[in-house]
PDB file of N, CA and C in Angstrom:
ATOM      1  N   MET A   1       0.848  -1.179   0.000  1.00  0.00           N
ATOM      2  CA  MET A   1       0.000   0.000   0.000  1.00  0.00           C
ATOM      3  C   MET A   1       0.894   1.244   0.000  1.00  0.00           C
ATOM      4  N   ASN A   2       0.517   2.251  -0.789  1.00  0.00           N
ATOM      5  CA  ASN A   2       1.318   3.475  -0.848  1.00  0.00           C
ATOM      6  C   ASN A   2       1.045   4.364   0.365  1.00  0.00           C
ATOM      7  N   VAL A   3       1.817   5.422   0.510  1.00  0.00           N
ATOM      8  CA  VAL A   3       1.728   6.306   1.676  1.00  0.00           C
ATOM      9  C   VAL A   3       0.341   6.945   1.783  1.00  0.00           C
ATOM     10  N   GLU A   4      -0.196   7.423   0.655  1.00  0.00           N
ATOM     11  CA  GLU A   4      -1.523   8.042   0.689  1.00  0.00           C
ATOM     12  C   GLU A   4      -2.575   7.052   1.201  1.00  0.00           C
ATOM     13  N   GLY A   5      -2.463   5.795   0.782  1.00  0.00           N
ATOM     14  CA  GLY A   5      -3.381   4.759   1.248  1.00  0.00           C
ATOM     15  C   GLY A   5      -3.227   4.474   2.735  1.00  0.00           C
ATOM     16  N   GLN A   6      -1.987   4.448   3.208  1.00  0.00           N
ATOM     17  CA  GLN A   6      -1.740   4.230   4.642  1.00  0.00           C
ATOM     18  C   GLN A   6      -2.324   5.370   5.468  1.00  0.00           C
ATOM     19  N   ILE A   7      -2.148   6.598   4.978  1.00  0.00           N
ATOM     20  CA  ILE A   7      -2.676   7.764   5.692  1.00  0.00           C
ATOM     21  C   ILE A   7      -4.199   7.693   5.750  1.00  0.00           C
ATOM     22  N   LYS A   8      -4.822   7.407   4.620  1.00  0.00           N
ATOM     23  CA  LYS A   8      -6.287   7.324   4.576  1.00  0.00           C
ATOM     24  C   LYS A   8      -6.789   6.242   5.521  1.00  0.00           C
ATOM     25  N   GLU A   9      -6.148   5.081   5.492  1.00  0.00           N
ATOM     26  CA  GLU A   9      -6.550   3.972   6.367  1.00  0.00           C
ATOM     27  C   GLU A   9      -6.393   4.349   7.841  1.00  0.00           C
ATOM     28  N   TYR A  10      -5.289   5.014   8.178  1.00  0.00           N
ATOM     29  CA  TYR A  10      -5.040   5.434   9.557  1.00  0.00           C
ATOM     30  C   TYR A  10      -6.097   6.426  10.026  1.00  0.00           C
ATOM     31  N   ILE A  11      -6.369   7.434   9.214  1.00  0.00           N
ATOM     32  CA  ILE A  11      -7.356   8.452   9.610  1.00  0.00           C
ATOM     33  C   ILE A  11      -8.743   7.829   9.746  1.00  0.00           C
ATOM     34  N   THR A  12      -9.133   7.002   8.787  1.00  0.00           N
ATOM     35  CA  THR A  12     -10.481   6.415   8.844  1.00  0.00           C
ATOM     36  C   THR A  12     -10.630   5.393   9.972  1.00  0.00           C
ATOM     37  N   SER A  13      -9.530   4.900  10.517  1.00  0.00           N
ATOM     38  CA  SER A  13      -9.608   3.955  11.637  1.00  0.00           C
ATOM     39  C   SER A  13      -9.873   4.647  12.975  1.00  0.00           C
ATOM     40  N   GLN A  14      -9.806   5.967  12.998  1.00  0.00           N
ATOM     41  CA  GLN A  14      -9.991   6.702  14.242  1.00  0.00           C
ATOM     42  C   GLN A  14     -11.482   6.885  14.533  1.00  0.00           C
ATOM     43  N   PRO A  15     -11.853   6.914  15.817  1.00  0.00           N
ATOM     44  CA  PRO A  15     -13.256   7.159  16.164  1.00  0.00           C
ATOM     45  C   PRO A  15     -13.615   8.632  15.939  1.00  0.00           C
ATOM     46  N   GLU A  16     -14.886   8.882  15.711  1.00  0.00           N
ATOM     47  CA  GLU A  16     -15.353  10.268  15.639  1.00  0.00           C
ATOM     48  C   GLU A  16     -15.367  10.836  17.051  1.00  0.00           C
ATOM     49  N   PRO A  17     -15.133  12.125  17.264  1.00  0.00           N
ATOM     50  CA  PRO A  17     -14.904  13.170  16.266  1.00  0.00           C
ATOM     51  C   PRO A  17     -13.434  13.301  15.847  1.00  0.00           C
ATOM     52  N   LYS A  18     -12.577  12.473  16.431  1.00  0.00           N
ATOM     53  CA  LYS A  18     -11.144  12.555  16.117  1.00  0.00           C
ATOM     54  C   LYS A  18     -10.896  12.353  14.621  1.00  0.00           C
ATOM     55  N   ARG A  19     -11.612  11.417  14.012  1.00  0.00           N
ATOM     56  CA  ARG A  19     -11.433  11.145  12.580  1.00  0.00           C
ATOM     57  C   ARG A  19     -11.691  12.399  11.750  1.00  0.00           C
ATOM     58  N   ASN A  20     -12.788  13.067  12.015  1.00  0.00           N
ATOM     59  CA  ASN A  20     -13.138  14.273  11.275  1.00  0.00           C
ATOM     60  C   ASN A  20     -12.101  15.375  11.506  1.00  0.00           C
ATOM     61  N   ASP A  21     -11.655  15.539  12.747  1.00  0.00           N
ATOM     62  CA  ASP A  21     -10.652  16.555  13.067  1.00  0.00           C
ATOM     63  C   ASP A  21      -9.328  16.266  12.351  1.00  0.00           C
ATOM     64  N   MET A  22      -8.918  15.002  12.342  1.00  0.00           N
ATOM     65  CA  MET A  22      -7.668  14.642  11.660  1.00  0.00           C
ATOM     66  C   MET A  22      -7.780  14.855  10.152  1.00  0.00           C
ATOM     67  N   GLN A  23      -8.938  14.508   9.592  1.00  0.00           N
ATOM     68  CA  GLN A  23      -9.142  14.709   8.158  1.00  0.00           C
ATOM     69  C   GLN A  23      -9.068  16.192   7.817  1.00  0.00           C
ATOM     70  N   GLU A  24      -9.674  17.026   8.648  1.00  0.00           N
ATOM     71  CA  GLU A  24      -9.649  18.478   8.420  1.00  0.00           C
ATOM     72  C   GLU A  24      -8.224  19.021   8.532  1.00  0.00           C
ATOM     73  N   LEU A  25      -7.494  18.596   9.552  1.00  0.00           N
ATOM     74  CA  LEU A  25      -6.087  19.018   9.691  1.00  0.00           C
ATOM     75  C   LEU A  25      -5.253  18.555   8.504  1.00  0.00           C
ATOM     76  N   HIS A  26      -5.486  17.338   8.055  1.00  0.00           N
ATOM     77  CA  HIS A  26      -4.767  16.789   6.904  1.00  0.00           C
ATOM     78  C   HIS A  26      -4.980  17.682   5.678  1.00  0.00           C
ATOM     79  N   HIS A  27      -6.227  18.058   5.431  1.00  0.00           N
ATOM     80  CA  HIS A  27      -6.521  18.919   4.278  1.00  0.00           C
ATOM     81  C   HIS A  27      -5.903  20.311   4.428  1.00  0.00           C
ATOM     82  N   ILE A  28      -5.940  20.863   5.632  1.00  0.00           N
ATOM     83  CA  ILE A  28      -5.348  22.189   5.864  1.00  0.00           C
ATOM     84  C   ILE A  28      -3.845  22.153   5.614  1.00  0.00           C
ATOM     85  N   ILE A  29      -3.171  21.135   6.142  1.00  0.00           N
ATOM     86  CA  ILE A  29      -1.717  21.038   5.954  1.00  0.00           C
ATOM     87  C   ILE A  29      -1.380  20.848   4.479  1.00  0.00           C
ATOM     88  N   LEU A  30      -2.160  20.031   3.779  1.00  0.00           N
ATOM     89  CA  LEU A  30      -1.910  19.841   2.346  1.00  0.00           C
ATOM     90  C   LEU A  30      -2.097  21.146   1.565  1.00  0.00           C
ATOM     91  N   GLU A  31      -3.037  21.985   1.990  1.00  0.00           N
ATOM     92  CA  GLU A  31      -3.231  23.288   1.345  1.00  0.00           C
ATOM     93  C   GLU A  31      -2.060  24.223   1.641  1.00  0.00           C
ATOM     94  N   LEU A  32      -1.531  24.156   2.850  1.00  0.00           N
ATOM     95  CA  LEU A  32      -0.407  25.016   3.241  1.00  0.00           C
ATOM     96  C   LEU A  32       0.914  24.564   2.626  1.00  0.00           C
ATOM     97  N   LYS A  33       1.053  23.271   2.374  1.00  0.00           N
ATOM     98  CA  LYS A  33       2.296  22.712   1.847  1.00  0.00           C
ATOM     99  C   LYS A  33       2.011  21.850   0.624  1.00  0.00           C
ATOM    100  N   PRO A  34       1.460  22.446  -0.432  1.00  0.00           N
ATOM    101  CA  PRO A  34       1.122  21.635  -1.612  1.00  0.00           C
ATOM    102  C   PRO A  34       2.364  20.988  -2.229  1.00  0.00           C
ATOM    103  N   GLY A  35       2.215  19.750  -2.627  1.00  0.00           N
ATOM    104  CA  GLY A  35       3.314  19.043  -3.277  1.00  0.00           C
ATOM    105  C   GLY A  35       4.414  18.567  -2.353  1.00  0.00           C
ATOM    106  N   SER A  36       4.234  18.752  -1.044  1.00  0.00           N
ATOM    107  CA  SER A  36       5.287  18.321  -0.128  1.00  0.00           C
ATOM    108  C   SER A  36       5.269  16.803   0.035  1.00  0.00           C
ATOM    109  N   LYS A  37       6.405  16.273   0.440  1.00  0.00           N
ATOM    110  CA  LYS A  37       6.527  14.830   0.650  1.00  0.00           C
ATOM    111  C   LYS A  37       5.603  14.412   1.784  1.00  0.00           C
ATOM    112  N   LEU A  38       4.910  13.288   1.593  1.00  0.00           N
ATOM    113  CA  LEU A  38       4.070  12.717   2.638  1.00  0.00           C
ATOM    114  C   LEU A  38       4.777  11.530   3.260  1.00  0.00           C
ATOM    115  N   TRP A  39       4.605  11.377   4.566  1.00  0.00           N
ATOM    116  CA  TRP A  39       5.212  10.290   5.321  1.00  0.00           C
ATOM    117  C   TRP A  39       4.119   9.557   6.090  1.00  0.00           C
ATOM    118  N   PHE A  40       4.300   8.268   6.307  1.00  0.00           N
ATOM    119  CA  PHE A  40       3.502   7.537   7.283  1.00  0.00           C
ATOM    120  C   PHE A  40       4.447   6.634   8.048  1.00  0.00           C
ATOM    121  N   LEU A  41       4.539   6.871   9.337  1.00  0.00           N
ATOM    122  CA  LEU A  41       5.384   6.054  10.218  1.00  0.00           C
ATOM    123  C   LEU A  41       4.450   5.242  11.113  1.00  0.00           C
ATOM    124  N   ASP A  42       4.590   3.929  11.071  1.00  0.00           N
ATOM    125  CA  ASP A  42       3.652   3.062  11.780  1.00  0.00           C
ATOM    126  C   ASP A  42       3.920   2.923  13.274  1.00  0.00           C
ATOM    127  N   GLY A  43       4.980   3.542  13.770  1.00  0.00           N
ATOM    128  CA  GLY A  43       5.267   3.494  15.201  1.00  0.00           C
ATOM    129  C   GLY A  43       5.977   2.237  15.661  1.00  0.00           C
ATOM    130  N   LYS A  44       6.479   1.438  14.718  1.00  0.00           N
ATOM    131  CA  LYS A  44       7.153   0.190  15.080  1.00  0.00           C
ATOM    132  C   LYS A  44       8.650   0.290  14.794  1.00  0.00           C
ATOM    133  N   ASP A  45       9.434  -0.393  15.629  1.00  0.00           N
ATOM    134  CA  ASP A  45      10.879  -0.392  15.431  1.00  0.00           C
ATOM    135  C   ASP A  45      11.288  -1.523  14.491  1.00  0.00           C
ATOM    136  N   SER A  46      12.584  -1.720  14.335  1.00  0.00           N
ATOM    137  CA  SER A  46      13.096  -2.729  13.400  1.00  0.00           C
ATOM    138  C   SER A  46      12.717  -4.156  13.806  1.00  0.00           C
ATOM    139  N   GLU A  47      12.333  -4.356  15.063  1.00  0.00           N
ATOM    140  CA  GLU A  47      11.905  -5.672  15.535  1.00  0.00           C
ATOM    141  C   GLU A  47      10.380  -5.801  15.540  1.00  0.00           C
ATOM    142  N   ASN A  48       9.704  -4.830  14.902  1.00  0.00           N
ATOM    143  CA  ASN A  48       8.251  -4.790  14.779  1.00  0.00           C
ATOM    144  C   ASN A  48       7.531  -4.596  16.111  1.00  0.00           C
ATOM    145  N   LYS A  49       8.243  -4.036  17.094  1.00  0.00           N
ATOM    146  CA  LYS A  49       7.628  -3.703  18.382  1.00  0.00           C
ATOM    147  C   LYS A  49       7.094  -2.282  18.311  1.00  0.00           C
ATOM    148  N   THR A  50       5.917  -2.063  18.896  1.00  0.00           N
ATOM    149  CA  THR A  50       5.335  -0.725  18.918  1.00  0.00           C
ATOM    150  C   THR A  50       6.107   0.136  19.910  1.00  0.00           C
ATOM    151  N   VAL A  51       6.655   1.255  19.406  1.00  0.00           N
ATOM    152  CA  VAL A  51       7.437   2.159  20.246  1.00  0.00           C
ATOM    153  C   VAL A  51       6.825   3.560  20.303  1.00  0.00           C
ATOM    154  N   SER A  52       5.861   3.839  19.432  1.00  0.00           N
ATOM    155  CA  SER A  52       5.179   5.141  19.444  1.00  0.00           C
ATOM    156  C   SER A  52       3.850   4.998  18.724  1.00  0.00           C
ATOM    157  N   ASN A  53       3.036   6.038  18.808  1.00  0.00           N
ATOM    158  CA  ASN A  53       1.805   6.060  18.027  1.00  0.00           C
ATOM    159  C   ASN A  53       2.162   6.252  16.561  1.00  0.00           C
ATOM    160  N   PRO A  54       1.394   5.672  15.647  1.00  0.00           N
ATOM    161  CA  PRO A  54       1.631   5.962  14.229  1.00  0.00           C
ATOM    162  C   PRO A  54       1.516   7.464  13.992  1.00  0.00           C
ATOM    163  N   ASN A  55       2.230   7.986  13.004  1.00  0.00           N
ATOM    164  CA  ASN A  55       2.113   9.406  12.709  1.00  0.00           C
ATOM    165  C   ASN A  55       2.266   9.703  11.231  1.00  0.00           C
ATOM    166  N   ILE A  56       1.644  10.800  10.846  1.00  0.00           N
ATOM    167  CA  ILE A  56       1.643  11.284   9.469  1.00  0.00           C
ATOM    168  C   ILE A  56       2.600  12.459   9.418  1.00  0.00           C
ATOM    169  N   GLY A  57       3.431  12.516   8.389  1.00  0.00           N
ATOM    170  CA  GLY A  57       4.369  13.619   8.250  1.00  0.00           C
ATOM    171  C   GLY A  57       4.207  14.333   6.919  1.00  0.00           C
ATOM    172  N   TYR A  58       4.571  15.613   6.920  1.00  0.00           N
ATOM    173  CA  TYR A  58       4.459  16.465   5.737  1.00  0.00           C
ATOM    174  C   TYR A  58       5.755  17.248   5.571  1.00  0.00           C
ATOM    175  N   GLY A  59       6.255  17.333   4.349  1.00  0.00           N
ATOM    176  CA  GLY A  59       7.461  18.107   4.080  1.00  0.00           C
ATOM    177  C   GLY A  59       8.711  17.269   4.247  1.00  0.00           C
ATOM    178  N   LEU A  60       9.844  17.918   4.043  1.00  0.00           N
ATOM    179  CA  LEU A  60      11.126  17.228   4.114  1.00  0.00           C
ATOM    180  C   LEU A  60      12.196  18.182   4.616  1.00  0.00           C
ATOM    181  N   GLN A  61      12.973  17.713   5.556  1.00  0.00           N
ATOM    182  CA  GLN A  61      14.138  18.448   6.016  1.00  0.00           C
ATOM    183  C   GLN A  61      15.228  17.445   6.360  1.00  0.00           C
ATOM    184  N   THR A  62      16.448  17.899   6.314  1.00  0.00           N
ATOM    185  CA  THR A  62      17.574  17.057   6.672  1.00  0.00           C
ATOM    186  C   THR A  62      18.068  17.485   8.041  1.00  0.00           C
ATOM    187  N   ILE A  63      18.082  16.546   8.953  1.00  0.00           N
ATOM    188  CA  ILE A  63      18.559  16.797  10.309  1.00  0.00           C
ATOM    189  C   ILE A  63      20.010  16.356  10.364  1.00  0.00           C
ATOM    190  N   LYS A  64      20.876  17.228  10.869  1.00  0.00           N
ATOM    191  CA  LYS A  64      22.282  16.880  11.019  1.00  0.00           C
ATOM    192  C   LYS A  64      22.582  16.770  12.511  1.00  0.00           C
ATOM    193  N   TYR A  65      23.121  15.624  12.889  1.00  0.00           N
ATOM    194  CA  TYR A  65      23.440  15.358  14.286  1.00  0.00           C
ATOM    195  C   TYR A  65      24.858  15.794  14.609  1.00  0.00           C
ATOM    196  N   ALA A  66      25.156  15.898  15.905  1.00  0.00           N
ATOM    197  CA  ALA A  66      26.465  16.361  16.365  1.00  0.00           C
ATOM    198  C   ALA A  66      27.597  15.480  15.843  1.00  0.00           C
ATOM    199  N   ASP A  67      27.331  14.191  15.642  1.00  0.00           N
ATOM    200  CA  ASP A  67      28.378  13.296  15.156  1.00  0.00           C
ATOM    201  C   ASP A  67      28.567  13.367  13.636  1.00  0.00           C
ATOM    202  N   GLY A  68      27.812  14.266  12.983  1.00  0.00           N
ATOM    203  CA  GLY A  68      27.947  14.457  11.543  1.00  0.00           C
ATOM    204  C   GLY A  68      26.975  13.645  10.707  1.00  0.00           C
ATOM    205  N   LYS A  69      26.287  12.690  11.308  1.00  0.00           N
ATOM    206  CA  LYS A  69      25.309  11.893  10.572  1.00  0.00           C
ATOM    207  C   LYS A  69      24.097  12.749  10.230  1.00  0.00           C
ATOM    208  N   THR A  70      23.447  12.408   9.127  1.00  0.00           N
ATOM    209  CA  THR A  70      22.251  13.132   8.729  1.00  0.00           C
ATOM    210  C   THR A  70      21.091  12.163   8.567  1.00  0.00           C
ATOM    211  N   ARG A  71      19.898  12.712   8.642  1.00  0.00           N
ATOM    212  CA  ARG A  71      18.681  11.918   8.492  1.00  0.00           C
ATOM    213  C   ARG A  71      17.596  12.806   7.914  1.00  0.00           C
ATOM    214  N   GLU A  72      16.863  12.291   6.954  1.00  0.00           N
ATOM    215  CA  GLU A  72      15.721  13.029   6.427  1.00  0.00           C
ATOM    216  C   GLU A  72      14.527  12.774   7.331  1.00  0.00           C
ATOM    217  N   PHE A  73      13.726  13.820   7.547  1.00  0.00           N
ATOM    218  CA  PHE A  73      12.548  13.703   8.400  1.00  0.00           C
ATOM    219  C   PHE A  73      11.525  14.742   7.975  1.00  0.00           C
ATOM    220  N   TYR A  74      10.312  14.596   8.453  1.00  0.00           N
ATOM    221  CA  TYR A  74       9.274  15.552   8.079  1.00  0.00           C
ATOM    222  C   TYR A  74       9.390  16.869   8.843  1.00  0.00           C
ATOM    223  N   GLN A  75       8.659  17.909   8.360  1.00  0.00           N
ATOM    224  CA  GLN A  75       8.647  19.220   8.992  1.00  0.00           C
ATOM    225  C   GLN A  75       7.435  19.386   9.908  1.00  0.00           C
ATOM    226  N   ILE A  76       6.304  18.814   9.509  1.00  0.00           N
ATOM    227  CA  ILE A  76       5.070  18.869  10.292  1.00  0.00           C
ATOM    228  C   ILE A  76       4.565  17.444  10.430  1.00  0.00           C
ATOM    229  N   GLY A  77       4.100  17.091  11.616  1.00  0.00           N
ATOM    230  CA  GLY A  77       3.572  15.758  11.843  1.00  0.00           C
ATOM    231  C   GLY A  77       2.274  15.792  12.621  1.00  0.00           C
ATOM    232  N   MET A  78       1.527  14.697  12.535  1.00  0.00           N
ATOM    233  CA  MET A  78       0.252  14.594  13.235  1.00  0.00           C
ATOM    234  C   MET A  78       0.066  13.152  13.674  1.00  0.00           C
ATOM    235  N   SER A  79      -0.476  12.978  14.883  1.00  0.00           N
ATOM    236  CA  SER A  79      -0.674  11.642  15.416  1.00  0.00           C
ATOM    237  C   SER A  79      -1.881  11.624  16.336  1.00  0.00           C
ATOM    238  N   ALA A  80      -2.643  10.538  16.286  1.00  0.00           N
ATOM    239  CA  ALA A  80      -3.753  10.350  17.220  1.00  0.00           C
ATOM    240  C   ALA A  80      -3.201   9.747  18.506  1.00  0.00           C
ATOM    241  N   ASN A  81      -3.776  10.144  19.627  1.00  0.00           N
ATOM    242  CA  ASN A  81      -3.423   9.523  20.901  1.00  0.00           C
ATOM    243  C   ASN A  81      -4.699   9.297  21.697  1.00  0.00           C
ATOM    244  N   THR A  82      -4.586   8.781  22.900  1.00  0.00           N
ATOM    245  CA  THR A  82      -5.784   8.408  23.661  1.00  0.00           C
ATOM    246  C   THR A  82      -6.668   9.599  24.017  1.00  0.00           C
ATOM    247  N   THR A  83      -6.093  10.779  24.152  1.00  0.00           N
ATOM    248  CA  THR A  83      -6.887  11.938  24.565  1.00  0.00           C
ATOM    249  C   THR A  83      -7.144  12.948  23.459  1.00  0.00           C
ATOM    250  N   GLY A  84      -6.603  12.743  22.274  1.00  0.00           N
ATOM    251  CA  GLY A  84      -6.820  13.712  21.198  1.00  0.00           C
ATOM    252  C   GLY A  84      -5.857  13.513  20.053  1.00  0.00           C
ATOM    253  N   ILE A  85      -5.335  14.635  19.570  1.00  0.00           N
ATOM    254  CA  ILE A  85      -4.423  14.647  18.429  1.00  0.00           C
ATOM    255  C   ILE A  85      -3.190  15.448  18.810  1.00  0.00           C
ATOM    256  N   SER A  86      -2.025  14.928  18.480  1.00  0.00           N
ATOM    257  CA  SER A  86      -0.778  15.673  18.664  1.00  0.00           C
ATOM    258  C   SER A  86      -0.345  16.211  17.308  1.00  0.00           C
ATOM    259  N   VAL A  87       0.097  17.467  17.294  1.00  0.00           N
ATOM    260  CA  VAL A  87       0.640  18.081  16.084  1.00  0.00           C
ATOM    261  C   VAL A  87       2.081  18.446  16.390  1.00  0.00           C
ATOM    262  N   TYR A  88       2.985  18.047  15.509  1.00  0.00           N
ATOM    263  CA  TYR A  88       4.412  18.297  15.690  1.00  0.00           C
ATOM    264  C   TYR A  88       4.884  19.281  14.628  1.00  0.00           C
ATOM    265  N   ILE A  89       5.536  20.334  15.063  1.00  0.00           N
ATOM    266  CA  ILE A  89       6.135  21.289  14.136  1.00  0.00           C
ATOM    267  C   ILE A  89       7.616  21.304  14.452  1.00  0.00           C
ATOM    268  N   LEU A  90       8.422  20.805  13.519  1.00  0.00           N
ATOM    269  CA  LEU A  90       9.847  20.673  13.748  1.00  0.00           C
ATOM    270  C   LEU A  90      10.582  21.809  13.058  1.00  0.00           C
ATOM    271  N   VAL A  91      11.307  22.561  13.841  1.00  0.00           N
ATOM    272  CA  VAL A  91      12.080  23.678  13.320  1.00  0.00           C
ATOM    273  C   VAL A  91      13.536  23.442  13.690  1.00  0.00           C
ATOM    274  N   LEU A  92      14.389  23.448  12.689  1.00  0.00           N
ATOM    275  CA  LEU A  92      15.811  23.315  12.961  1.00  0.00           C
ATOM    276  C   LEU A  92      16.382  24.696  13.208  1.00  0.00           C
ATOM    277  N   MET A  93      17.109  24.810  14.265  1.00  0.00           N
ATOM    278  CA  MET A  93      17.751  26.084  14.582  1.00  0.00           C
ATOM    279  C   MET A  93      19.028  26.198  13.765  1.00  0.00           C
ATOM    280  N   ILE A  94      19.166  27.298  13.083  1.00  0.00           N
ATOM    281  CA  ILE A  94      20.355  27.549  12.284  1.00  0.00           C
ATOM    282  C   ILE A  94      21.245  28.494  13.066  1.00  0.00           C
ATOM    283  N   ARG A  95      22.460  28.053  13.288  1.00  0.00           N
ATOM    284  CA  ARG A  95      23.399  28.907  14.016  1.00  0.00           C
ATOM    285  C   ARG A  95      23.886  30.005  13.090  1.00  0.00           C
ATOM    286  N   HIS A  96      23.793  31.200  13.588  1.00  0.00           N
ATOM    287  CA  HIS A  96      24.225  32.346  12.802  1.00  0.00           C
ATOM    288  C   HIS A  96      24.865  33.346  13.755  1.00  0.00           C
ATOM    289  N   THR A  97      25.968  33.864  13.371  1.00  0.00           N
ATOM    290  CA  THR A  97      26.635  34.870  14.191  1.00  0.00           C
ATOM    291  C   THR A  97      26.283  36.245  13.648  1.00  0.00           C
ATOM    292  N   TYR A  98      25.693  37.039  14.499  1.00  0.00           N
ATOM    293  CA  TYR A  98      25.340  38.387  14.096  1.00  0.00           C
ATOM    294  C   TYR A  98      26.460  39.338  14.506  1.00  0.00           C
ATOM    295  N   PRO A  99      26.700  40.377  13.711  1.00  0.00           N
ATOM    296  CA  PRO A  99      27.735  41.338  14.104  1.00  0.00           C
ATOM    297  C   PRO A  99      27.321  42.056  15.383  1.00  0.00           C
ATOM    298  N   LYS A 100      28.293  42.352  16.188  1.00  0.00           N
ATOM    299  CA  LYS A 100      28.031  43.048  17.444  1.00  0.00           C
ATOM    300  C   LYS A 100      27.568  44.461  17.144  1.00  0.00           C
ATOM    301  N   ARG A 101      26.509  44.870  17.787  1.00  0.00           N
ATOM    302  CA  ARG A 101      25.981  46.216  17.590  1.00  0.00           C
ATOM    303  C   ARG A 101      26.587  47.139  18.642  1.00  0.00           C
ATOM    304  N   THR A 102      26.949  48.295  18.223  1.00  0.00           N
ATOM    305  CA  THR A 102      27.429  49.292  19.185  1.00  0.00           C
ATOM    306  C   THR A 102      26.449  50.464  19.153  1.00  0.00           C
ATOM    307  N   GLU A 103      26.181  50.948  20.329  1.00  0.00           N
ATOM    308  CA  GLU A 103      25.256  52.063  20.421  1.00  0.00           C
ATOM    309  C   GLU A 103      26.023  53.361  20.559  1.00  0.00           C
ATOM    310  N   GLU A 104      25.524  54.387  19.899  1.00  0.00           N
ATOM    311  CA  GLU A 104      26.135  55.708  20.031  1.00  0.00           C
ATOM    312  C   GLU A 104      25.537  56.365  21.260  1.00  0.00           C
ATOM    313  N   LYS A 105      26.409  57.033  22.016  1.00  0.00           N
ATOM    314  CA  LYS A 105      25.934  57.726  23.229  1.00  0.00           C
ATOM    315  C   LYS A 105      26.030  59.202  23.077  1.00  0.00           C
TER     316      LYS A 105
END
């Protein structure tokens, strides 16, 4: 099954009103980020053990770790949980050195 199919299946598996809310958020994010990469992470690790709730991702960014390794990941994410919906907005901080300002007295 492709990513769009996994996302649709995940959203439709949710009880109302969560299903409707997730569908609405999905459409809003797609309008804000047209053509962005879609992700579906099932929440399972390499041993097929559940380690998190499944989540939907939108967009693409490259995360660089302190050891120099990189990983592609989404920019915005959404996940259902027992009490509602979690929305993740991932922003990478870019280190920038600004020139020192001096004030005239």
